[in-house]
Amino acid sequence: MSAFVQQNERNLAIARIVDTVAIEIGCSAAQVALNWLRQQEVIPIVGARKHSQVQDNLNCINFNLSAEQIEKLNHVSQIELGFPHDFLQQDMPRQFIFGGMYDAIENHRHRF
């Protein structure tokens, strides 16, 4: 499967979840997408050609997505890291890189 086809299928999967959430809460897909970004402390760039579209986009501040809805959106849009990340997460390369001492090294990122 080509990278283009995979990316297109991924985009469609994201759009389906955005549409599903929009139907659940009774708002537009644009409002869900903008609200999702806003709730992750990302400043969305609002673009529109008509006054009605601007008004629709700005209505994204009138509600909050639930934790479950945000999790659905985050999950479907998660970026696959691929190679070399996936390769380096395997036990054999990890043990080789760290000289067999990976498990003995304190991981400062997971202390808290």
N, C-alpha and C. Protein backbone atom coordinates (compact mmCIF):
# COMPACT_ATOMS: atom_id res chain seq x y z
N MET A 1 0.84 -1.17 0.00
CA MET A 1 0.00 0.00 0.00
C MET A 1 0.90 1.24 0.00
N SER A 2 0.61 2.18 -0.87
CA SER A 2 1.45 3.38 -0.98
C SER A 2 1.26 4.29 0.23
N ALA A 3 2.24 5.13 0.48
CA ALA A 3 2.18 6.07 1.59
C ALA A 3 1.02 7.04 1.41
N PHE A 4 0.74 7.41 0.16
CA PHE A 4 -0.37 8.33 -0.11
C PHE A 4 -1.70 7.70 0.29
N VAL A 5 -1.91 6.45 -0.08
CA VAL A 5 -3.16 5.75 0.25
C VAL A 5 -3.29 5.60 1.76
N GLN A 6 -2.20 5.25 2.44
CA GLN A 6 -2.23 5.11 3.89
C GLN A 6 -2.57 6.43 4.55
N GLN A 7 -1.97 7.52 4.08
CA GLN A 7 -2.23 8.84 4.66
C GLN A 7 -3.68 9.24 4.41
N ASN A 8 -4.19 8.97 3.22
CA ASN A 8 -5.56 9.31 2.91
C ASN A 8 -6.53 8.54 3.81
N GLU A 9 -6.28 7.25 4.03
CA GLU A 9 -7.13 6.44 4.91
C GLU A 9 -7.07 6.96 6.34
N ARG A 10 -5.88 7.37 6.77
CA ARG A 10 -5.73 7.92 8.11
C ARG A 10 -6.54 9.21 8.24
N ASN A 11 -6.44 10.08 7.25
CA ASN A 11 -7.19 11.34 7.28
C ASN A 11 -8.70 11.08 7.31
N LEU A 12 -9.15 10.09 6.55
CA LEU A 12 -10.57 9.76 6.55
C LEU A 12 -11.01 9.21 7.90
N ALA A 13 -10.17 8.42 8.54
CA ALA A 13 -10.49 7.89 9.87
C ALA A 13 -10.62 9.02 10.89
N ILE A 14 -9.71 9.99 10.81
CA ILE A 14 -9.77 11.15 11.70
C ILE A 14 -11.06 11.93 11.44
N ALA A 15 -11.38 12.16 10.18
CA ALA A 15 -12.59 12.91 9.83
C ALA A 15 -13.84 12.20 10.32
N ARG A 16 -13.87 10.87 10.24
CA ARG A 16 -15.03 10.10 10.72
C ARG A 16 -15.24 10.30 12.22
N ILE A 17 -14.15 10.26 12.98
CA ILE A 17 -14.26 10.45 14.44
C ILE A 17 -14.69 11.88 14.75
N VAL A 18 -14.13 12.85 14.05
CA VAL A 18 -14.54 14.25 14.25
C VAL A 18 -16.03 14.39 13.96
N ASP A 19 -16.51 13.81 12.86
CA ASP A 19 -17.94 13.86 12.52
C ASP A 19 -18.79 13.17 13.58
N THR A 20 -18.32 12.03 14.08
CA THR A 20 -19.07 11.29 15.11
C THR A 20 -19.22 12.13 16.38
N VAL A 21 -18.14 12.75 16.80
CA VAL A 21 -18.18 13.60 18.00
C VAL A 21 -19.09 14.79 17.75
N ALA A 22 -19.02 15.38 16.57
CA ALA A 22 -19.87 16.53 16.24
C ALA A 22 -21.35 16.16 16.34
N ILE A 23 -21.71 15.00 15.83
CA ILE A 23 -23.09 14.54 15.90
C ILE A 23 -23.50 14.29 17.35
N GLU A 24 -22.60 13.68 18.14
CA GLU A 24 -22.87 13.40 19.56
C GLU A 24 -23.24 14.66 20.32
N ILE A 25 -22.54 15.76 20.06
CA ILE A 25 -22.76 16.97 20.86
C ILE A 25 -23.56 18.04 20.12
N GLY A 26 -23.92 17.78 18.89
CA GLY A 26 -24.78 18.70 18.16
C GLY A 26 -24.10 19.98 17.70
N CYS A 27 -22.91 19.85 17.16
CA CYS A 27 -22.23 21.02 16.62
C CYS A 27 -21.55 20.63 15.31
N SER A 28 -20.84 21.57 14.72
CA SER A 28 -20.21 21.29 13.44
C SER A 28 -18.86 20.59 13.63
N ALA A 29 -18.41 19.91 12.60
CA ALA A 29 -17.11 19.25 12.64
C ALA A 29 -15.99 20.27 12.83
N ALA A 30 -16.13 21.44 12.21
CA ALA A 30 -15.13 22.50 12.36
C ALA A 30 -15.03 22.93 13.82
N GLN A 31 -16.16 23.05 14.49
CA GLN A 31 -16.14 23.43 15.90
C GLN A 31 -15.43 22.37 16.75
N VAL A 32 -15.69 21.10 16.45
CA VAL A 32 -15.02 20.02 17.20
C VAL A 32 -13.52 20.09 16.98
N ALA A 33 -13.09 20.23 15.73
CA ALA A 33 -11.66 20.27 15.42
C ALA A 33 -10.98 21.45 16.11
N LEU A 34 -11.59 22.62 16.04
CA LEU A 34 -11.00 23.80 16.67
C LEU A 34 -10.99 23.68 18.19
N ASN A 35 -12.08 23.14 18.74
CA ASN A 35 -12.16 22.97 20.19
C ASN A 35 -11.13 21.96 20.67
N TRP A 36 -10.95 20.90 19.92
CA TRP A 36 -9.97 19.87 20.26
C TRP A 36 -8.57 20.49 20.36
N LEU A 37 -8.22 21.31 19.39
CA LEU A 37 -6.93 22.01 19.44
C LEU A 37 -6.86 22.96 20.63
N ARG A 38 -7.92 23.71 20.82
CA ARG A 38 -7.96 24.70 21.91
C ARG A 38 -7.80 24.04 23.27
N GLN A 39 -8.44 22.90 23.47
CA GLN A 39 -8.36 22.21 24.76
C GLN A 39 -6.99 21.56 24.99
N GLN A 40 -6.19 21.48 23.94
CA GLN A 40 -4.82 20.97 24.09
C GLN A 40 -3.83 22.13 24.17
N GLU A 41 -4.36 23.32 24.41
CA GLU A 41 -3.57 24.54 24.54
C GLU A 41 -2.79 24.88 23.28
N VAL A 42 -3.39 24.57 22.14
CA VAL A 42 -2.86 24.95 20.84
C VAL A 42 -3.76 26.08 20.33
N ILE A 43 -3.17 27.12 19.83
CA ILE A 43 -3.97 28.21 19.29
C ILE A 43 -4.31 27.87 17.84
N PRO A 44 -5.58 27.57 17.57
CA PRO A 44 -5.95 27.21 16.20
C PRO A 44 -5.97 28.43 15.29
N ILE A 45 -5.67 28.20 14.04
CA ILE A 45 -5.77 29.25 13.03
C ILE A 45 -7.12 29.08 12.36
N VAL A 46 -7.93 30.10 12.50
CA VAL A 46 -9.29 30.05 11.96
C VAL A 46 -9.26 30.66 10.57
N GLY A 47 -9.78 29.90 9.62
CA GLY A 47 -9.84 30.40 8.25
C GLY A 47 -11.24 30.23 7.70
N ALA A 48 -11.73 31.23 7.05
CA ALA A 48 -13.07 31.17 6.48
C ALA A 48 -13.19 32.18 5.35
N ARG A 49 -14.17 31.91 4.48
CA ARG A 49 -14.42 32.84 3.36
C ARG A 49 -15.70 33.61 3.56
N LYS A 50 -16.56 33.11 4.42
CA LYS A 50 -17.85 33.77 4.64
C LYS A 50 -18.01 34.12 6.12
N HIS A 51 -18.81 35.13 6.36
CA HIS A 51 -19.10 35.55 7.72
C HIS A 51 -19.71 34.39 8.51
N SER A 52 -20.57 33.62 7.91
CA SER A 52 -21.23 32.50 8.60
C SER A 52 -20.21 31.45 9.03
N GLN A 53 -19.16 31.25 8.22
CA GLN A 53 -18.12 30.29 8.58
C GLN A 53 -17.29 30.80 9.77
N VAL A 54 -17.00 32.09 9.78
CA VAL A 54 -16.27 32.69 10.90
C VAL A 54 -17.09 32.51 12.17
N GLN A 55 -18.37 32.82 12.09
CA GLN A 55 -19.25 32.70 13.25
C GLN A 55 -19.31 31.26 13.74
N ASP A 56 -19.41 30.31 12.82
CA ASP A 56 -19.45 28.89 13.18
C ASP A 56 -18.14 28.49 13.88
N ASN A 57 -17.01 28.91 13.32
CA ASN A 57 -15.72 28.58 13.92
C ASN A 57 -15.58 29.16 15.33
N LEU A 58 -16.00 30.41 15.51
CA LEU A 58 -15.88 31.05 16.81
C LEU A 58 -16.76 30.41 17.87
N ASN A 59 -17.79 29.72 17.46
CA ASN A 59 -18.66 29.02 18.42
C ASN A 59 -17.98 27.81 19.07
N CYS A 60 -16.76 27.52 18.66
CA CYS A 60 -16.02 26.41 19.28
C CYS A 60 -15.70 26.70 20.74
N ILE A 61 -15.78 27.95 21.16
CA ILE A 61 -15.47 28.27 22.56
C ILE A 61 -16.67 28.09 23.48
N ASN A 62 -17.82 27.74 22.93
CA ASN A 62 -19.04 27.64 23.73
C ASN A 62 -19.25 26.29 24.39
N PHE A 63 -18.31 25.37 24.24
CA PHE A 63 -18.44 24.04 24.85
C PHE A 63 -17.07 23.45 25.07
N ASN A 64 -17.02 22.39 25.84
CA ASN A 64 -15.78 21.64 26.05
C ASN A 64 -16.03 20.19 25.68
N LEU A 65 -15.04 19.57 25.08
CA LEU A 65 -15.11 18.15 24.77
C LEU A 65 -14.84 17.36 26.04
N SER A 66 -15.47 16.20 26.15
CA SER A 66 -15.23 15.35 27.32
C SER A 66 -13.85 14.70 27.19
N ALA A 67 -13.36 14.19 28.29
CA ALA A 67 -12.06 13.49 28.29
C ALA A 67 -12.12 12.30 27.34
N GLU A 68 -13.25 11.61 27.29
CA GLU A 68 -13.41 10.45 26.40
C GLU A 68 -13.35 10.88 24.93
N GLN A 69 -13.99 11.99 24.59
CA GLN A 69 -13.97 12.48 23.22
C GLN A 69 -12.56 12.91 22.82
N ILE A 70 -11.86 13.59 23.71
CA ILE A 70 -10.48 14.00 23.42
C ILE A 70 -9.60 12.77 23.23
N GLU A 71 -9.79 11.76 24.06
CA GLU A 71 -9.00 10.53 23.94
C GLU A 71 -9.25 9.85 22.59
N LYS A 72 -10.51 9.80 22.16
CA LYS A 72 -10.83 9.23 20.84
C LYS A 72 -10.10 9.98 19.73
N LEU A 73 -10.15 11.29 19.79
CA LEU A 73 -9.51 12.11 18.76
C LEU A 73 -8.00 11.98 18.81
N ASN A 74 -7.44 11.96 20.00
CA ASN A 74 -5.99 11.78 20.14
C ASN A 74 -5.55 10.42 19.61
N HIS A 75 -6.32 9.40 19.93
CA HIS A 75 -5.95 8.04 19.52
C HIS A 75 -5.95 7.90 18.00
N VAL A 76 -7.02 8.36 17.36
CA VAL A 76 -7.13 8.18 15.91
C VAL A 76 -6.11 9.01 15.15
N SER A 77 -5.65 10.11 15.74
CA SER A 77 -4.73 11.00 15.04
C SER A 77 -3.28 10.81 15.46
N GLN A 78 -3.03 9.85 16.34
CA GLN A 78 -1.67 9.63 16.82
C GLN A 78 -0.73 9.31 15.67
N ILE A 79 0.42 9.93 15.68
CA ILE A 79 1.41 9.75 14.62
C ILE A 79 2.19 8.47 14.88
N GLU A 80 2.30 7.64 13.85
CA GLU A 80 3.12 6.44 13.95
C GLU A 80 4.58 6.87 13.75
N LEU A 81 5.41 6.56 14.73
CA LEU A 81 6.80 7.02 14.67
C LEU A 81 7.64 6.23 13.68
N GLY A 82 7.35 4.96 13.49
CA GLY A 82 8.04 4.16 12.48
C GLY A 82 9.52 3.97 12.79
N PHE A 83 10.29 3.69 11.74
CA PHE A 83 11.72 3.45 11.87
C PHE A 83 12.44 4.79 12.03
N PRO A 84 13.39 4.95 12.88
CA PRO A 84 14.08 3.97 13.70
C PRO A 84 13.47 3.76 15.08
N HIS A 85 12.45 4.59 15.44
CA HIS A 85 11.86 4.50 16.78
C HIS A 85 11.39 3.08 17.11
N ASP A 86 10.59 2.50 16.23
CA ASP A 86 10.06 1.16 16.50
C ASP A 86 11.17 0.13 16.64
N PHE A 87 12.19 0.22 15.80
CA PHE A 87 13.32 -0.70 15.85
C PHE A 87 14.06 -0.57 17.19
N LEU A 88 14.29 0.67 17.62
CA LEU A 88 15.05 0.90 18.84
C LEU A 88 14.29 0.56 20.12
N GLN A 89 12.98 0.35 20.00
CA GLN A 89 12.18 -0.06 21.16
C GLN A 89 12.24 -1.56 21.39
N GLN A 90 12.76 -2.31 20.44
CA GLN A 90 12.88 -3.75 20.59
C GLN A 90 14.01 -4.07 21.57
N ASP A 91 13.87 -5.20 22.26
CA ASP A 91 14.82 -5.56 23.31
C ASP A 91 16.25 -5.75 22.79
N MET A 92 16.43 -6.46 21.68
CA MET A 92 17.78 -6.76 21.21
C MET A 92 18.58 -5.49 20.87
N PRO A 93 18.05 -4.58 20.04
CA PRO A 93 18.82 -3.35 19.76
C PRO A 93 19.04 -2.51 21.02
N ARG A 94 18.04 -2.45 21.88
CA ARG A 94 18.15 -1.66 23.10
C ARG A 94 19.28 -2.21 23.99
N GLN A 95 19.32 -3.52 24.16
CA GLN A 95 20.38 -4.13 24.98
C GLN A 95 21.75 -3.91 24.36
N PHE A 96 21.82 -3.97 23.03
CA PHE A 96 23.09 -3.74 22.34
C PHE A 96 23.57 -2.31 22.53
N ILE A 97 22.66 -1.36 22.34
CA ILE A 97 23.01 0.06 22.46
C ILE A 97 23.48 0.41 23.87
N PHE A 98 22.83 -0.17 24.87
CA PHE A 98 23.15 0.16 26.26
C PHE A 98 24.10 -0.86 26.90
N GLY A 99 24.73 -1.69 26.08
CA GLY A 99 25.71 -2.65 26.59
C GLY A 99 25.12 -3.63 27.59
N GLY A 100 23.86 -4.00 27.38
CA GLY A 100 23.19 -4.94 28.27
C GLY A 100 22.77 -4.34 29.60
N MET A 101 22.89 -3.03 29.76
CA MET A 101 22.61 -2.37 31.04
C MET A 101 21.33 -1.53 31.04
N TYR A 102 20.51 -1.65 30.03
CA TYR A 102 19.32 -0.79 29.91
C TYR A 102 18.46 -0.83 31.17
N ASP A 103 18.18 -2.03 31.67
CA ASP A 103 17.31 -2.16 32.83
C ASP A 103 17.93 -1.61 34.10
N ALA A 104 19.25 -1.47 34.14
CA ALA A 104 19.94 -0.97 35.33
C ALA A 104 20.06 0.56 35.32
N ILE A 105 19.76 1.20 34.20
CA ILE A 105 19.91 2.65 34.08
C ILE A 105 18.65 3.33 34.57
N GLU A 106 18.80 4.30 35.46
CA GLU A 106 17.64 5.03 35.97
C GLU A 106 17.11 5.93 34.85
N ASN A 107 15.83 5.81 34.62
CA ASN A 107 15.21 6.62 33.57
C ASN A 107 14.63 7.86 34.21
N HIS A 108 15.33 8.97 34.10
CA HIS A 108 14.89 10.22 34.72
C HIS A 108 13.56 10.72 34.19
N ARG A 109 13.14 10.28 33.03
CA ARG A 109 11.86 10.75 32.47
C ARG A 109 10.68 10.09 33.13
N HIS A 110 10.86 8.99 33.83
CA HIS A 110 9.74 8.27 34.43
C HIS A 110 9.78 8.29 35.96
N ARG A 111 10.51 9.23 36.53
CA ARG A 111 10.60 9.31 37.99
C ARG A 111 9.34 9.85 38.62
N PHE A 112 8.60 10.69 37.94
CA PHE A 112 7.49 11.39 38.56
C PHE A 112 6.19 10.71 38.35
